[in-house]
Amino acid sequence: MLLDDRGRVWAECPTGGGSDDLVLPLVFAREEAVSVRGLAEQGVRLTHVGWVR
């Protein structure tokens, strides 16, 4: 799990497609996974706060 600097919680989203850099907002609704790198490019800083299986 990750916490960004805006107070939102994200869950890492492992994939079989070779990309280990996807995260989902911890509000699992219609949202799609987004790239950690893409968030960083938007200026969002993420901090690991735990892991989810």
C-alpha atoms as a PDB file:
ATOM      1  CA  MET A   1       0.000   0.000   0.000  1.00  0.00           C
ATOM      2  CA  LEU A   2       1.121   3.519  -0.706  1.00  0.00           C
ATOM      3  CA  LEU A   3       0.125   6.885   0.714  1.00  0.00           C
ATOM      4  CA  ASP A   4       0.546   9.918  -1.510  1.00  0.00           C
ATOM      5  CA  ASP A   5       1.281  13.440  -0.368  1.00  0.00           C
ATOM      6  CA  ARG A   6      -2.391  14.369  -0.883  1.00  0.00           C
ATOM      7  CA  GLY A   7      -3.605  11.786   1.674  1.00  0.00           C
ATOM      8  CA  ARG A   8      -4.903   9.240  -0.843  1.00  0.00           C
ATOM      9  CA  VAL A   9      -4.165   5.541  -0.328  1.00  0.00           C
ATOM     10  CA  TRP A  10      -3.091   3.363  -3.250  1.00  0.00           C
ATOM     11  CA  ALA A  11      -2.748  -0.406  -3.630  1.00  0.00           C
ATOM     12  CA  GLU A  12      -0.028  -1.901  -5.810  1.00  0.00           C
ATOM     13  CA  CYS A  13      -1.468  -3.813  -8.748  1.00  0.00           C
ATOM     14  CA  PRO A  14       0.744  -6.736  -9.829  1.00  0.00           C
ATOM     15  CA  THR A  15       0.280  -7.777 -13.439  1.00  0.00           C
ATOM     16  CA  GLY A  16       1.460 -10.624 -15.587  1.00  0.00           C
ATOM     17  CA  GLY A  17       2.184  -8.270 -18.451  1.00  0.00           C
ATOM     18  CA  GLY A  18       5.629  -7.259 -17.240  1.00  0.00           C
ATOM     19  CA  SER A  19       4.697  -3.905 -15.709  1.00  0.00           C
ATOM     20  CA  ASP A  20       5.278  -3.810 -11.967  1.00  0.00           C
ATOM     21  CA  ASP A  21       4.614  -0.111 -11.764  1.00  0.00           C
ATOM     22  CA  LEU A  22       0.783   0.040 -11.614  1.00  0.00           C
ATOM     23  CA  VAL A  23      -1.298   1.186  -8.639  1.00  0.00           C
ATOM     24  CA  LEU A  24      -5.026   1.413  -7.895  1.00  0.00           C
ATOM     25  CA  PRO A  25      -6.694   3.957  -5.649  1.00  0.00           C
ATOM     26  CA  LEU A  26      -7.859   2.201  -2.501  1.00  0.00           C
ATOM     27  CA  VAL A  27     -11.402   3.124  -3.459  1.00  0.00           C
ATOM     28  CA  PHE A  28     -12.042   0.176  -5.737  1.00  0.00           C
ATOM     29  CA  ALA A  29     -14.841   1.360  -7.969  1.00  0.00           C
ATOM     30  CA  ARG A  30     -14.542   2.353 -11.625  1.00  0.00           C
ATOM     31  CA  GLU A  31     -10.970   3.550 -11.365  1.00  0.00           C
ATOM     32  CA  GLU A  32      -8.322   1.983 -13.531  1.00  0.00           C
ATOM     33  CA  ALA A  33      -4.750   1.280 -12.545  1.00  0.00           C
ATOM     34  CA  VAL A  34      -2.337   4.106 -13.264  1.00  0.00           C
ATOM     35  CA  SER A  35       1.420   4.164 -13.619  1.00  0.00           C
ATOM     36  CA  VAL A  36       3.531   5.044 -10.578  1.00  0.00           C
ATOM     37  CA  ARG A  37       5.858   6.808 -12.989  1.00  0.00           C
ATOM     38  CA  GLY A  38       2.916   8.788 -14.390  1.00  0.00           C
ATOM     39  CA  LEU A  39       1.919   9.918 -10.903  1.00  0.00           C
ATOM     40  CA  ALA A  40       5.508  10.975 -10.209  1.00  0.00           C
ATOM     41  CA  GLU A  41       5.500  13.005 -13.422  1.00  0.00           C
ATOM     42  CA  GLN A  42       2.407  14.800 -12.079  1.00  0.00           C
ATOM     43  CA  GLY A  43       4.349  15.652  -8.917  1.00  0.00           C
ATOM     44  CA  VAL A  44       2.629  13.081  -6.658  1.00  0.00           C
ATOM     45  CA  ARG A  45       4.970  11.607  -4.032  1.00  0.00           C
ATOM     46  CA  LEU A  46       4.145   8.104  -2.759  1.00  0.00           C
ATOM     47  CA  THR A  47       5.195   6.515   0.549  1.00  0.00           C
ATOM     48  CA  HIS A  48       4.942   2.764   1.266  1.00  0.00           C
ATOM     49  CA  VAL A  49       2.713   2.156   4.310  1.00  0.00           C
ATOM     50  CA  GLY A  50       2.089  -1.607   3.928  1.00  0.00           C
ATOM     51  CA  TRP A  51       1.433  -4.484   1.540  1.00  0.00           C
ATOM     52  CA  VAL A  52      -1.770  -6.131   0.356  1.00  0.00           C
ATOM     53  CA  ARG A  53      -2.127  -9.669  -1.006  1.00  0.00           C
END
